[in-house]
Protein backbone atom coordinates (compact mmCIF):
# COMPACT_ATOMS: atom_id res chain seq x y z
CA MET A 1 -6.96 16.99 29.08
CA ARG A 2 -9.29 17.07 26.09
CA SER A 3 -7.14 19.62 24.26
CA ILE A 4 -4.02 17.48 24.85
CA LEU A 5 -5.74 14.43 23.37
CA LEU A 6 -7.01 16.46 20.42
CA THR A 7 -3.53 17.87 19.78
CA PHE A 8 -2.02 14.37 19.97
CA PHE A 9 -4.62 12.99 17.53
CA ILE A 10 -4.03 15.82 15.04
CA ALA A 11 -0.24 15.36 15.26
CA ILE A 12 -0.42 11.60 14.66
CA THR A 13 -2.89 12.02 11.80
CA SER A 14 -0.68 14.68 10.20
CA ILE A 15 2.36 12.43 10.37
CA CYS A 16 0.49 9.55 8.85
CA PHE A 17 -1.18 11.43 6.05
CA SER A 18 1.89 13.49 5.19
CA GLN A 19 3.48 10.22 4.13
CA THR A 20 0.60 9.27 1.85
CA THR A 21 -0.64 12.37 0.07
CA ASN A 22 2.24 13.68 -2.01
CA ASP A 23 2.47 14.22 -5.75
CA ASP A 24 4.05 10.85 -6.51
CA TRP A 25 0.98 8.82 -5.48
CA ILE A 26 -2.59 8.52 -6.76
CA TYR A 27 -5.41 7.75 -4.33
CA ILE A 28 -7.16 4.53 -5.39
CA THR A 29 -9.72 3.60 -2.76
CA ALA A 30 -10.43 2.99 0.91
CA SER A 31 -11.44 -0.22 2.64
CA TRP A 32 -15.14 -0.66 3.40
CA ASP A 33 -14.49 0.26 7.06
CA ASN A 34 -12.13 3.15 6.18
CA VAL A 35 -9.32 1.57 8.22
CA ASN A 36 -7.08 1.38 5.13
CA THR A 37 -6.54 3.78 2.25
CA TYR A 38 -4.73 2.68 -0.89
CA TYR A 39 -2.47 4.62 -3.24
CA VAL A 40 -0.60 3.67 -6.40
CA ARG A 41 2.66 5.19 -7.54
CA LYS A 42 2.08 7.54 -10.51
CA THR A 43 4.83 5.88 -12.51
CA TYR A 44 5.37 2.17 -12.82
CA VAL A 45 8.77 0.51 -12.36
CA SER A 46 8.43 -1.46 -15.60
CA LYS A 47 5.87 -2.73 -18.07
CA LYS A 48 6.36 -5.80 -20.26
CA VAL A 49 3.70 -7.57 -22.33
CA GLY A 50 0.79 -6.51 -20.12
CA ILE A 51 2.62 -7.09 -16.83
CA ILE A 52 3.14 -4.00 -14.72
CA LYS A 53 5.66 -3.75 -11.89
CA ILE A 54 4.40 -1.02 -9.58
CA TRP A 55 4.39 0.16 -5.95
CA ILE A 56 1.12 0.28 -4.03
CA LYS A 57 0.97 1.82 -0.61
CA THR A 58 -1.53 1.32 2.17
CA ASN A 59 -2.10 3.80 4.94
CA SER A 60 -3.53 1.77 7.79
CA GLN A 61 -5.12 3.12 10.95
CA LYS A 62 -4.63 -0.31 12.55
CA TYR A 63 -2.16 -2.98 11.45
CA LYS A 64 -1.27 -6.22 13.20
CA PHE A 65 2.26 -7.53 12.70
CA GLY A 66 3.25 -10.55 14.71
CA LYS A 67 1.93 -10.10 18.23
CA LYS A 68 1.90 -6.30 18.06
CA THR A 69 -0.80 -4.04 16.67
CA TYR A 70 0.33 -0.71 15.21
CA LYS A 71 -1.78 2.38 14.84
CA TYR A 72 -1.21 4.43 11.72
CA ALA A 73 1.15 2.03 9.93
CA LEU A 74 2.25 2.53 6.34
CA ILE A 75 2.84 -0.46 4.06
CA LYS A 76 4.53 -0.26 0.65
CA ASN A 77 4.29 -3.33 -1.59
CA LEU A 78 5.97 -3.84 -4.94
CA TYR A 79 3.65 -5.87 -7.15
CA LEU A 80 3.82 -7.55 -10.50
CA ILE A 81 0.34 -7.23 -11.96
CA ASP A 82 -0.72 -9.29 -14.94
CA CYS A 83 -3.67 -7.29 -16.22
CA SER A 84 -4.61 -9.76 -18.98
CA ASN A 85 -5.01 -12.66 -16.56
CA GLN A 86 -6.04 -10.67 -13.44
CA ARG A 87 -3.30 -12.01 -11.20
CA THR A 88 -0.54 -10.60 -8.99
CA LYS A 89 2.77 -11.33 -7.30
CA THR A 90 4.06 -9.42 -4.27
CA ILE A 91 7.84 -9.22 -4.58
CA SER A 92 8.73 -6.62 -1.98
CA SER A 93 7.07 -5.30 1.16
CA ILE A 94 8.10 -2.57 3.61
CA LEU A 95 6.22 -1.82 6.85
CA TYR A 96 6.67 1.57 8.54
CA ASP A 97 5.43 2.83 11.91
CA SER A 98 3.72 6.21 12.33
CA GLU A 99 7.09 7.95 12.66
CA GLY A 100 8.40 6.54 9.37
CA ASN A 101 10.70 3.94 10.95
CA VAL A 102 10.99 0.61 9.12
CA ILE A 103 9.44 -2.17 11.21
CA ASP A 104 9.99 -4.95 8.68
CA SER A 105 10.93 -5.42 5.04
CA THR A 106 10.95 -8.39 2.70
CA ASP A 107 12.31 -8.86 -0.82
CA ILE A 108 11.59 -12.04 -2.75
CA ASP A 109 13.02 -13.15 -6.07
CA GLU A 110 10.05 -12.78 -8.41
CA SER A 111 10.78 -16.13 -10.07
CA LEU A 112 10.16 -17.85 -6.71
CA VAL A 113 6.76 -16.23 -6.10
CA GLU A 114 3.65 -17.88 -7.50
CA TRP A 115 0.95 -15.85 -9.21
CA LYS A 116 -2.22 -15.27 -7.17
CA ASN A 117 -5.59 -14.64 -8.77
CA ALA A 118 -7.03 -11.20 -8.11
CA ALA A 119 -10.64 -10.91 -7.04
CA PRO A 120 -12.95 -8.89 -9.29
CA GLU A 121 -13.52 -5.21 -8.49
CA THR A 122 -10.31 -4.78 -6.51
CA ILE A 123 -7.28 -2.50 -6.56
CA VAL A 124 -5.81 -4.64 -9.33
CA ASN A 125 -8.64 -3.65 -11.67
CA LYS A 126 -8.14 0.01 -10.86
CA VAL A 127 -4.38 -0.16 -11.43
CA CYS A 128 -4.87 -1.95 -14.74
CA SER A 129 -7.39 0.65 -15.89
CA LEU A 130 -4.91 3.44 -15.05
CA PHE A 131 -1.90 1.95 -16.82
CA ASN A 132 -3.29 -0.09 -19.73
């Protein structure tokens, strides 16, 4: 029984991490409890006057969506990041289960999304330092 559980754990972990550790993404950081790991796409979608449009992905060992909690979910968010003013807009979000199936996706017209202030010492600072 123990070897079956160990095999299952290794298989699930491999699936999850195979989606997050390829050459197109740069590891940024992990959450304080190591439940989430964050990656930024190596190339940005666009860059205009200090505003970067870039994908950030989160590999989550536990993610609650609606009434269901998923283990090993993958979330990709397309952000506009204003490095000069330390603020962001999320304009697209895709949630995947551990098998790579899309659970939910949202696209929002960026002109309809309000800017949100970014807290100091966050992923936003790291992204800005990489691409500015």
